[in-house]
Amino acid sequence: MAKTIAFVNQKGGVGKTTSCVNLGSCLHSAGARVLVCDFDPQGNATSGFGLDKGAVFPTIYDVLISGAPVENAIVTTPYGDVLPANKALAGASVEMIPLPEREYLLKHALDQVADRYDFILIDCPPSLELLTLNCLCAAHRVLVPVQCEYYALEGLSDLLSTIRIVKARLNPSIDLEGLLLTMYDGRTNLSMQVAEEVKRHFPGKVFATVIPRNVRLSEAPSHGKPVNAYDGSSRGSVAYQRLTEEVLSRNPLPPRKDGT
């Protein structure tokens, strides 16, 4: 069964989608079977894999609300499989309210294909409402991107408290995969101070890999490619390759039937 990792932070612009797309692509390049589930109505993970989010059908919205088979919604790309999303998902949190087991709709959908993958990565919306709650109920682990700026520290305790509540009441198998420092600029004292503060408050929970500010990371989505396909030698790509090594060291790939 796949290890399901949700990329969560209620603050926008911290690198959730960038990290989800690029870790997914790097895991795929490392030989893992990967599904990236876009669960953000902005659909940026979908377009980041080169898909036209305005044209894809069915999407995860159609799976959850209209009962479309999840297998029909999955799109295979050169960088891994994608379960796409678009702006239709924005209304799903309201439409899900009267449905039975509304917190587990995403989990039930992903469980149907979990045996096909080593990793399922979920790109969550920048909020803590029903869509994100579905992500937390579907996940085994939570990866929290933390932007190296002062405001990024605010709300982090609230997020981790929410994860503890979900673990106690809804999903006892969920745990923290780690905090990932993003948009790090080693030329500024602020980035270094934020990094040290996060490590001090959450010892043993912060990835050794730090994601730098890098123009190639910003450019890659406009070309519909993850950064390792756009410019594999860039600092951003190298950082996500190192993160991939960390993730695989914690979650080794199972041996294949052919012994690989």
C-alpha atoms as a PDB file:
ATOM      1  CA  MET A   1       0.000   0.000   0.000  1.00  0.00           C
ATOM      2  CA  ALA A   2       1.135   3.525  -0.772  1.00  0.00           C
ATOM      3  CA  LYS A   3       2.565   5.850   1.853  1.00  0.00           C
ATOM      4  CA  THR A   4       0.278   8.875   1.657  1.00  0.00           C
ATOM      5  CA  ILE A   5       1.850  12.251   2.484  1.00  0.00           C
ATOM      6  CA  ALA A   6      -0.183  15.463   2.704  1.00  0.00           C
ATOM      7  CA  PHE A   7       1.556  18.796   2.108  1.00  0.00           C
ATOM      8  CA  VAL A   8      -0.181  21.096   4.566  1.00  0.00           C
ATOM      9  CA  ASN A   9       0.109  24.683   5.726  1.00  0.00           C
ATOM     10  CA  GLN A  10      -2.832  27.039   6.168  1.00  0.00           C
ATOM     11  CA  LYS A  11      -0.623  29.908   5.007  1.00  0.00           C
ATOM     12  CA  GLY A  12      -0.433  30.410   1.256  1.00  0.00           C
ATOM     13  CA  GLY A  13       2.746  30.959  -0.723  1.00  0.00           C
ATOM     14  CA  VAL A  14       5.014  28.792   1.428  1.00  0.00           C
ATOM     15  CA  GLY A  15       5.951  26.244  -1.236  1.00  0.00           C
ATOM     16  CA  LYS A  16       3.373  23.480  -0.745  1.00  0.00           C
ATOM     17  CA  THR A  17       2.646  22.959  -4.431  1.00  0.00           C
ATOM     18  CA  THR A  18       6.268  23.489  -5.470  1.00  0.00           C
ATOM     19  CA  SER A  19       7.381  20.869  -2.950  1.00  0.00           C
ATOM     20  CA  CYS A  20       4.612  18.403  -3.789  1.00  0.00           C
ATOM     21  CA  VAL A  21       5.238  18.584  -7.551  1.00  0.00           C
ATOM     22  CA  ASN A  22       9.022  18.454  -7.360  1.00  0.00           C
ATOM     23  CA  LEU A  23       9.273  15.780  -4.692  1.00  0.00           C
ATOM     24  CA  GLY A  24       6.766  13.717  -6.677  1.00  0.00           C
ATOM     25  CA  SER A  25       8.767  14.053  -9.877  1.00  0.00           C
ATOM     26  CA  CYS A  26      12.075  13.280  -8.145  1.00  0.00           C
ATOM     27  CA  LEU A  27      10.575  10.207  -6.462  1.00  0.00           C
ATOM     28  CA  HIS A  28       9.311   9.078  -9.880  1.00  0.00           C
ATOM     29  CA  SER A  29      12.793   9.568 -11.330  1.00  0.00           C
ATOM     30  CA  ALA A  30      14.191   7.490  -8.452  1.00  0.00           C
ATOM     31  CA  GLY A  31      12.001   4.566  -9.490  1.00  0.00           C
ATOM     32  CA  ALA A  32       9.037   5.040  -7.160  1.00  0.00           C
ATOM     33  CA  ARG A  33       5.466   4.641  -8.321  1.00  0.00           C
ATOM     34  CA  VAL A  34       3.980   8.042  -7.533  1.00  0.00           C
ATOM     35  CA  LEU A  35       0.513   9.592  -7.637  1.00  0.00           C
ATOM     36  CA  VAL A  36       0.190  13.322  -7.016  1.00  0.00           C
ATOM     37  CA  CYS A  37      -3.332  14.203  -5.915  1.00  0.00           C
ATOM     38  CA  ASP A  38      -4.133  17.860  -6.534  1.00  0.00           C
ATOM     39  CA  PHE A  39      -6.653  18.846  -3.863  1.00  0.00           C
ATOM     40  CA  ASP A  40      -6.369  22.602  -4.229  1.00  0.00           C
ATOM     41  CA  PRO A  41      -9.031  24.393  -6.344  1.00  0.00           C
ATOM     42  CA  GLN A  42      -6.267  26.540  -7.837  1.00  0.00           C
ATOM     43  CA  GLY A  43      -5.085  23.429  -9.680  1.00  0.00           C
ATOM     44  CA  ASN A  44      -1.447  24.485  -9.667  1.00  0.00           C
ATOM     45  CA  ALA A  45      -0.094  20.975  -9.151  1.00  0.00           C
ATOM     46  CA  THR A  46      -2.131  19.903 -12.172  1.00  0.00           C
ATOM     47  CA  SER A  47      -0.627  22.572 -14.428  1.00  0.00           C
ATOM     48  CA  GLY A  48       2.793  21.999 -12.869  1.00  0.00           C
ATOM     49  CA  PHE A  49       2.768  18.542 -14.430  1.00  0.00           C
ATOM     50  CA  GLY A  50       1.970  19.996 -17.843  1.00  0.00           C
ATOM     51  CA  LEU A  51      -1.804  19.420 -17.828  1.00  0.00           C
ATOM     52  CA  ASP A  52      -4.408  21.953 -18.912  1.00  0.00           C
ATOM     53  CA  LYS A  53      -6.437  22.317 -15.726  1.00  0.00           C
ATOM     54  CA  GLY A  54      -9.297  23.893 -17.683  1.00  0.00           C
ATOM     55  CA  ALA A  55      -9.610  20.902 -19.978  1.00  0.00           C
ATOM     56  CA  VAL A  56      -9.043  17.880 -17.719  1.00  0.00           C
ATOM     57  CA  PHE A  57     -12.085  15.690 -17.052  1.00  0.00           C
ATOM     58  CA  PRO A  58     -12.925  13.922 -14.861  1.00  0.00           C
ATOM     59  CA  THR A  59     -11.121  15.521 -11.903  1.00  0.00           C
ATOM     60  CA  ILE A  60     -10.975  14.720  -8.208  1.00  0.00           C
ATOM     61  CA  TYR A  61     -14.118  16.837  -7.859  1.00  0.00           C
ATOM     62  CA  ASP A  62     -16.018  14.499 -10.175  1.00  0.00           C
ATOM     63  CA  VAL A  63     -14.722  11.506  -8.225  1.00  0.00           C
ATOM     64  CA  LEU A  64     -15.907  12.835  -4.863  1.00  0.00           C
ATOM     65  CA  ILE A  65     -19.139  14.580  -5.824  1.00  0.00           C
ATOM     66  CA  SER A  66     -20.354  12.839  -8.985  1.00  0.00           C
ATOM     67  CA  GLY A  67     -19.084   9.332  -8.316  1.00  0.00           C
ATOM     68  CA  ALA A  68     -16.703   9.129 -11.283  1.00  0.00           C
ATOM     69  CA  PRO A  69     -14.315   6.142 -11.010  1.00  0.00           C
ATOM     70  CA  VAL A  70     -11.005   7.336  -9.591  1.00  0.00           C
ATOM     71  CA  GLU A  71      -9.134   5.251 -12.180  1.00  0.00           C
ATOM     72  CA  ASN A  72     -10.719   7.320 -14.963  1.00  0.00           C
ATOM     73  CA  ALA A  73      -9.500  10.575 -13.425  1.00  0.00           C
ATOM     74  CA  ILE A  74      -5.820   9.624 -13.106  1.00  0.00           C
ATOM     75  CA  VAL A  75      -3.578  11.039 -15.842  1.00  0.00           C
ATOM     76  CA  THR A  76      -0.160   9.554 -16.587  1.00  0.00           C
ATOM     77  CA  THR A  77       2.607  12.075 -17.327  1.00  0.00           C
ATOM     78  CA  PRO A  78       6.369  11.697 -17.893  1.00  0.00           C
ATOM     79  CA  TYR A  79       6.865  12.843 -14.295  1.00  0.00           C
ATOM     80  CA  GLY A  80       4.399  10.569 -12.492  1.00  0.00           C
ATOM     81  CA  ASP A  81       0.642  10.074 -12.304  1.00  0.00           C
ATOM     82  CA  VAL A  82      -1.669  12.955 -11.435  1.00  0.00           C
ATOM     83  CA  LEU A  83      -5.183  13.099 -10.026  1.00  0.00           C
ATOM     84  CA  PRO A  84      -6.065  16.563 -11.318  1.00  0.00           C
ATOM     85  CA  ALA A  85      -8.117  19.414  -9.882  1.00  0.00           C
ATOM     86  CA  ASN A  86      -9.482  22.729 -11.095  1.00  0.00           C
ATOM     87  CA  LYS A  87     -11.743  25.522  -9.869  1.00  0.00           C
ATOM     88  CA  ALA A  88     -14.755  23.186  -9.698  1.00  0.00           C
ATOM     89  CA  LEU A  89     -13.268  21.869  -6.457  1.00  0.00           C
ATOM     90  CA  ALA A  90     -13.872  25.249  -4.802  1.00  0.00           C
ATOM     91  CA  GLY A  91     -17.528  24.387  -4.207  1.00  0.00           C
ATOM     92  CA  ALA A  92     -16.862  20.868  -3.010  1.00  0.00           C
ATOM     93  CA  SER A  93     -16.460  21.804   0.655  1.00  0.00           C
ATOM     94  CA  VAL A  94     -20.094  22.965   0.690  1.00  0.00           C
ATOM     95  CA  GLU A  95     -21.401  20.055  -1.395  1.00  0.00           C
ATOM     96  CA  MET A  96     -19.633  17.564   0.865  1.00  0.00           C
ATOM     97  CA  ILE A  97     -21.351  18.728   4.059  1.00  0.00           C
ATOM     98  CA  PRO A  98     -24.503  16.557   3.767  1.00  0.00           C
ATOM     99  CA  LEU A  99     -22.634  13.494   2.478  1.00  0.00           C
ATOM    100  CA  PRO A 100     -22.037  10.516   4.797  1.00  0.00           C
ATOM    101  CA  GLU A 101     -18.509  10.233   6.192  1.00  0.00           C
ATOM    102  CA  ARG A 102     -17.700  13.568   4.618  1.00  0.00           C
ATOM    103  CA  GLU A 103     -14.257  13.722   6.294  1.00  0.00           C
ATOM    104  CA  TYR A 104     -13.221  10.453   4.628  1.00  0.00           C
ATOM    105  CA  LEU A 105     -14.350  10.975   1.028  1.00  0.00           C
ATOM    106  CA  LEU A 106     -10.820  11.525  -0.260  1.00  0.00           C
ATOM    107  CA  LYS A 107      -9.484   8.595   1.760  1.00  0.00           C
ATOM    108  CA  HIS A 108     -12.101   6.246   0.292  1.00  0.00           C
ATOM    109  CA  ALA A 109     -11.205   7.408  -3.229  1.00  0.00           C
ATOM    110  CA  LEU A 110      -7.443   7.021  -2.767  1.00  0.00           C
ATOM    111  CA  ASP A 111      -7.795   3.638  -1.047  1.00  0.00           C
ATOM    112  CA  GLN A 112      -9.124   2.256  -4.328  1.00  0.00           C
ATOM    113  CA  VAL A 113      -5.777   2.804  -6.071  1.00  0.00           C
ATOM    114  CA  ALA A 114      -3.331   2.748  -3.134  1.00  0.00           C
ATOM    115  CA  ASP A 115      -1.962  -0.685  -4.028  1.00  0.00           C
ATOM    116  CA  ARG A 116      -0.700   0.662  -7.373  1.00  0.00           C
ATOM    117  CA  TYR A 117       1.676   3.198  -5.851  1.00  0.00           C
ATOM    118  CA  ASP A 118       4.577   3.547  -3.443  1.00  0.00           C
ATOM    119  CA  PHE A 119       3.720   7.164  -2.630  1.00  0.00           C
ATOM    120  CA  ILE A 120       0.579   9.276  -2.882  1.00  0.00           C
ATOM    121  CA  LEU A 121       1.335  12.965  -2.395  1.00  0.00           C
ATOM    122  CA  ILE A 122      -1.575  15.322  -1.684  1.00  0.00           C
ATOM    123  CA  ASP A 123      -1.309  19.028  -2.442  1.00  0.00           C
ATOM    124  CA  CYS A 124      -3.650  20.678   0.082  1.00  0.00           C
ATOM    125  CA  PRO A 125      -5.381  24.062  -0.135  1.00  0.00           C
ATOM    126  CA  PRO A 126      -4.083  26.945   2.020  1.00  0.00           C
ATOM    127  CA  SER A 127      -6.728  26.646   4.727  1.00  0.00           C
ATOM    128  CA  LEU A 128      -7.903  24.431   7.570  1.00  0.00           C
ATOM    129  CA  GLU A 129     -11.432  23.586   6.426  1.00  0.00           C
ATOM    130  CA  LEU A 130     -13.219  20.496   5.098  1.00  0.00           C
ATOM    131  CA  LEU A 131     -11.014  19.976   2.051  1.00  0.00           C
ATOM    132  CA  THR A 132      -7.865  20.018   4.186  1.00  0.00           C
ATOM    133  CA  LEU A 133      -9.563  17.852   6.804  1.00  0.00           C
ATOM    134  CA  ASN A 134     -10.162  15.272   4.064  1.00  0.00           C
ATOM    135  CA  CYS A 135      -6.451  15.411   3.246  1.00  0.00           C
ATOM    136  CA  LEU A 136      -5.509  14.841   6.884  1.00  0.00           C
ATOM    137  CA  CYS A 137      -7.918  11.923   7.195  1.00  0.00           C
ATOM    138  CA  ALA A 138      -6.475  10.335   4.043  1.00  0.00           C
ATOM    139  CA  ALA A 139      -2.797  10.764   4.948  1.00  0.00           C
ATOM    140  CA  HIS A 140      -0.317   8.655   6.878  1.00  0.00           C
ATOM    141  CA  ARG A 141       2.107  11.544   7.190  1.00  0.00           C
ATOM    142  CA  VAL A 142       2.076  15.331   7.025  1.00  0.00           C
ATOM    143  CA  LEU A 143       4.870  17.355   5.441  1.00  0.00           C
ATOM    144  CA  VAL A 144       4.761  21.026   6.441  1.00  0.00           C
ATOM    145  CA  PRO A 145       6.624  23.514   4.201  1.00  0.00           C
ATOM    146  CA  VAL A 146       7.770  26.484   6.276  1.00  0.00           C
ATOM    147  CA  GLN A 147       8.788  29.664   4.492  1.00  0.00           C
ATOM    148  CA  CYS A 148      11.915  31.258   5.966  1.00  0.00           C
ATOM    149  CA  GLU A 149      10.149  34.481   6.912  1.00  0.00           C
ATOM    150  CA  TYR A 150       8.826  35.744  10.226  1.00  0.00           C
ATOM    151  CA  TYR A 151       5.104  35.341   9.543  1.00  0.00           C
ATOM    152  CA  ALA A 152       5.621  31.717   8.587  1.00  0.00           C
ATOM    153  CA  LEU A 153       6.169  30.884  12.254  1.00  0.00           C
ATOM    154  CA  GLU A 154       2.771  32.272  13.184  1.00  0.00           C
ATOM    155  CA  GLY A 155       0.100  29.649  12.917  1.00  0.00           C
ATOM    156  CA  LEU A 156       2.535  26.736  12.899  1.00  0.00           C
ATOM    157  CA  SER A 157       1.563  25.748  16.435  1.00  0.00           C
ATOM    158  CA  ASP A 158      -2.126  25.945  15.480  1.00  0.00           C
ATOM    159  CA  LEU A 159      -1.511  23.657  12.514  1.00  0.00           C
ATOM    160  CA  LEU A 160       0.322  21.078  14.604  1.00  0.00           C
ATOM    161  CA  SER A 161      -2.451  21.271  17.191  1.00  0.00           C
ATOM    162  CA  THR A 162      -4.988  20.546  14.444  1.00  0.00           C
ATOM    163  CA  ILE A 163      -2.958  17.513  13.372  1.00  0.00           C
ATOM    164  CA  ARG A 164      -2.967  16.252  16.981  1.00  0.00           C
ATOM    165  CA  ILE A 165      -6.747  16.653  17.162  1.00  0.00           C
ATOM    166  CA  VAL A 166      -7.214  14.788  13.880  1.00  0.00           C
ATOM    167  CA  LYS A 167      -4.950  12.004  15.165  1.00  0.00           C
ATOM    168  CA  ALA A 168      -6.958  11.720  18.384  1.00  0.00           C
ATOM    169  CA  ARG A 169     -10.428  11.836  16.847  1.00  0.00           C
ATOM    170  CA  LEU A 170     -10.381  10.933  13.155  1.00  0.00           C
ATOM    171  CA  ASN A 171      -7.150   9.375  11.910  1.00  0.00           C
ATOM    172  CA  PRO A 172      -5.022   7.625  14.545  1.00  0.00           C
ATOM    173  CA  SER A 173      -2.421   6.572  11.946  1.00  0.00           C
ATOM    174  CA  ILE A 174      -1.434  10.126  10.978  1.00  0.00           C
ATOM    175  CA  ASP A 175       1.927  11.502  12.044  1.00  0.00           C
ATOM    176  CA  LEU A 176       4.342  14.285  11.165  1.00  0.00           C
ATOM    177  CA  GLU A 177       6.772  13.433   8.352  1.00  0.00           C
ATOM    178  CA  GLY A 178       8.683  16.646   8.945  1.00  0.00           C
ATOM    179  CA  LEU A 179       8.962  20.400   8.541  1.00  0.00           C
ATOM    180  CA  LEU A 180      10.605  21.553   5.317  1.00  0.00           C
ATOM    181  CA  LEU A 181      12.313  24.940   5.263  1.00  0.00           C
ATOM    182  CA  THR A 182      11.596  26.671   1.952  1.00  0.00           C
ATOM    183  CA  MET A 183      12.560  29.904   0.177  1.00  0.00           C
ATOM    184  CA  TYR A 184      15.773  30.024   2.169  1.00  0.00           C
ATOM    185  CA  ASP A 185      18.151  32.872   1.367  1.00  0.00           C
ATOM    186  CA  GLY A 186      21.497  32.339   3.046  1.00  0.00           C
ATOM    187  CA  ARG A 187      22.460  35.959   2.374  1.00  0.00           C
ATOM    188  CA  THR A 188      19.932  37.255   4.911  1.00  0.00           C
ATOM    189  CA  ASN A 189      20.047  37.075   8.662  1.00  0.00           C
ATOM    190  CA  LEU A 190      16.275  36.602   8.743  1.00  0.00           C
ATOM    191  CA  SER A 191      16.356  33.290   6.861  1.00  0.00           C
ATOM    192  CA  MET A 192      19.056  31.972   9.169  1.00  0.00           C
ATOM    193  CA  GLN A 193      17.200  33.167  12.271  1.00  0.00           C
ATOM    194  CA  VAL A 194      13.895  31.616  11.175  1.00  0.00           C
ATOM    195  CA  ALA A 195      15.636  28.337  10.348  1.00  0.00           C
ATOM    196  CA  GLU A 196      17.291  28.223  13.773  1.00  0.00           C
ATOM    197  CA  GLU A 197      14.027  29.123  15.513  1.00  0.00           C
ATOM    198  CA  VAL A 198      12.107  26.341  13.768  1.00  0.00           C
ATOM    199  CA  LYS A 199      14.819  23.793  14.600  1.00  0.00           C
ATOM    200  CA  ARG A 200      14.882  24.957  18.219  1.00  0.00           C
ATOM    201  CA  HIS A 201      11.127  24.679  18.669  1.00  0.00           C
ATOM    202  CA  PHE A 202      10.763  21.394  16.765  1.00  0.00           C
ATOM    203  CA  PRO A 203      13.925  19.375  17.420  1.00  0.00           C
ATOM    204  CA  GLY A 204      14.242  16.275  15.290  1.00  0.00           C
ATOM    205  CA  LYS A 205      11.255  17.260  13.156  1.00  0.00           C
ATOM    206  CA  VAL A 206      12.992  19.456  10.544  1.00  0.00           C
ATOM    207  CA  PHE A 207      14.383  18.011   7.315  1.00  0.00           C
ATOM    208  CA  ALA A 208      18.128  18.467   6.887  1.00  0.00           C
ATOM    209  CA  THR A 209      17.475  19.594   3.320  1.00  0.00           C
ATOM    210  CA  VAL A 210      16.663  23.281   2.917  1.00  0.00           C
ATOM    211  CA  ILE A 211      14.973  24.533  -0.259  1.00  0.00           C
ATOM    212  CA  PRO A 212      16.641  27.749  -1.488  1.00  0.00           C
ATOM    213  CA  ARG A 213      15.128  30.659  -3.317  1.00  0.00           C
ATOM    214  CA  ASN A 214      15.865  29.785  -6.938  1.00  0.00           C
ATOM    215  CA  VAL A 215      14.689  31.362 -10.169  1.00  0.00           C
ATOM    216  CA  ARG A 216      14.515  27.963 -11.909  1.00  0.00           C
ATOM    217  CA  LEU A 217      11.958  26.783  -9.339  1.00  0.00           C
ATOM    218  CA  SER A 218       9.831  29.802 -10.221  1.00  0.00           C
ATOM    219  CA  GLU A 219      10.234  29.348 -13.973  1.00  0.00           C
ATOM    220  CA  ALA A 220       9.547  25.618 -14.219  1.00  0.00           C
ATOM    221  CA  PRO A 221       5.736  25.742 -13.693  1.00  0.00           C
ATOM    222  CA  SER A 222       5.317  28.164 -16.597  1.00  0.00           C
ATOM    223  CA  HIS A 223       6.824  25.458 -18.816  1.00  0.00           C
ATOM    224  CA  GLY A 224       4.560  22.748 -17.376  1.00  0.00           C
ATOM    225  CA  LYS A 225       7.510  20.844 -15.958  1.00  0.00           C
ATOM    226  CA  PRO A 226       8.909  19.946 -12.539  1.00  0.00           C
ATOM    227  CA  VAL A 227      12.286  21.540 -11.923  1.00  0.00           C
ATOM    228  CA  ASN A 228      14.287  18.321 -12.371  1.00  0.00           C
ATOM    229  CA  ALA A 229      12.906  18.078 -15.922  1.00  0.00           C
ATOM    230  CA  TYR A 230      13.290  21.805 -16.597  1.00  0.00           C
ATOM    231  CA  ASP A 231      16.818  22.274 -15.261  1.00  0.00           C
ATOM    232  CA  GLY A 232      18.159  19.267 -13.414  1.00  0.00           C
ATOM    233  CA  SER A 233      21.423  20.980 -12.452  1.00  0.00           C
ATOM    234  CA  SER A 234      19.833  24.024 -10.825  1.00  0.00           C
ATOM    235  CA  ARG A 235      20.113  24.626  -7.087  1.00  0.00           C
ATOM    236  CA  GLY A 236      16.403  24.082  -6.686  1.00  0.00           C
ATOM    237  CA  SER A 237      16.505  20.742  -8.474  1.00  0.00           C
ATOM    238  CA  VAL A 238      19.518  19.551  -6.487  1.00  0.00           C
ATOM    239  CA  ALA A 239      17.729  20.476  -3.253  1.00  0.00           C
ATOM    240  CA  TYR A 240      14.636  18.465  -4.123  1.00  0.00           C
ATOM    241  CA  GLN A 241      16.795  15.519  -5.152  1.00  0.00           C
ATOM    242  CA  ARG A 242      18.385  15.659  -1.693  1.00  0.00           C
ATOM    243  CA  LEU A 243      14.952  15.848  -0.088  1.00  0.00           C
ATOM    244  CA  THR A 244      13.970  12.783  -2.102  1.00  0.00           C
ATOM    245  CA  GLU A 245      16.946  10.908  -0.668  1.00  0.00           C
ATOM    246  CA  GLU A 246      15.845  11.884   2.844  1.00  0.00           C
ATOM    247  CA  VAL A 247      12.272  10.751   2.237  1.00  0.00           C
ATOM    248  CA  LEU A 248      13.416   7.435   0.735  1.00  0.00           C
ATOM    249  CA  SER A 249      15.793   6.854   3.664  1.00  0.00           C
ATOM    250  CA  ARG A 250      12.769   7.075   5.960  1.00  0.00           C
ATOM    251  CA  ASN A 251      10.426   5.225   3.617  1.00  0.00           C
ATOM    252  CA  PRO A 252      12.449   2.657   1.613  1.00  0.00           C
ATOM    253  CA  LEU A 253      10.907   1.364  -1.579  1.00  0.00           C
ATOM    254  CA  PRO A 254       9.702  -2.247  -1.361  1.00  0.00           C
ATOM    255  CA  PRO A 255      11.493  -4.793  -3.550  1.00  0.00           C
ATOM    256  CA  ARG A 256       9.845  -5.383  -6.902  1.00  0.00           C
ATOM    257  CA  LYS A 257       8.883  -8.805  -8.181  1.00  0.00           C
ATOM    258  CA  ASP A 258      11.923  -8.693 -10.474  1.00  0.00           C
ATOM    259  CA  GLY A 259      14.158  -8.173  -7.446  1.00  0.00           C
ATOM    260  CA  THR A 260      14.926  -4.477  -8.066  1.00  0.00           C
END
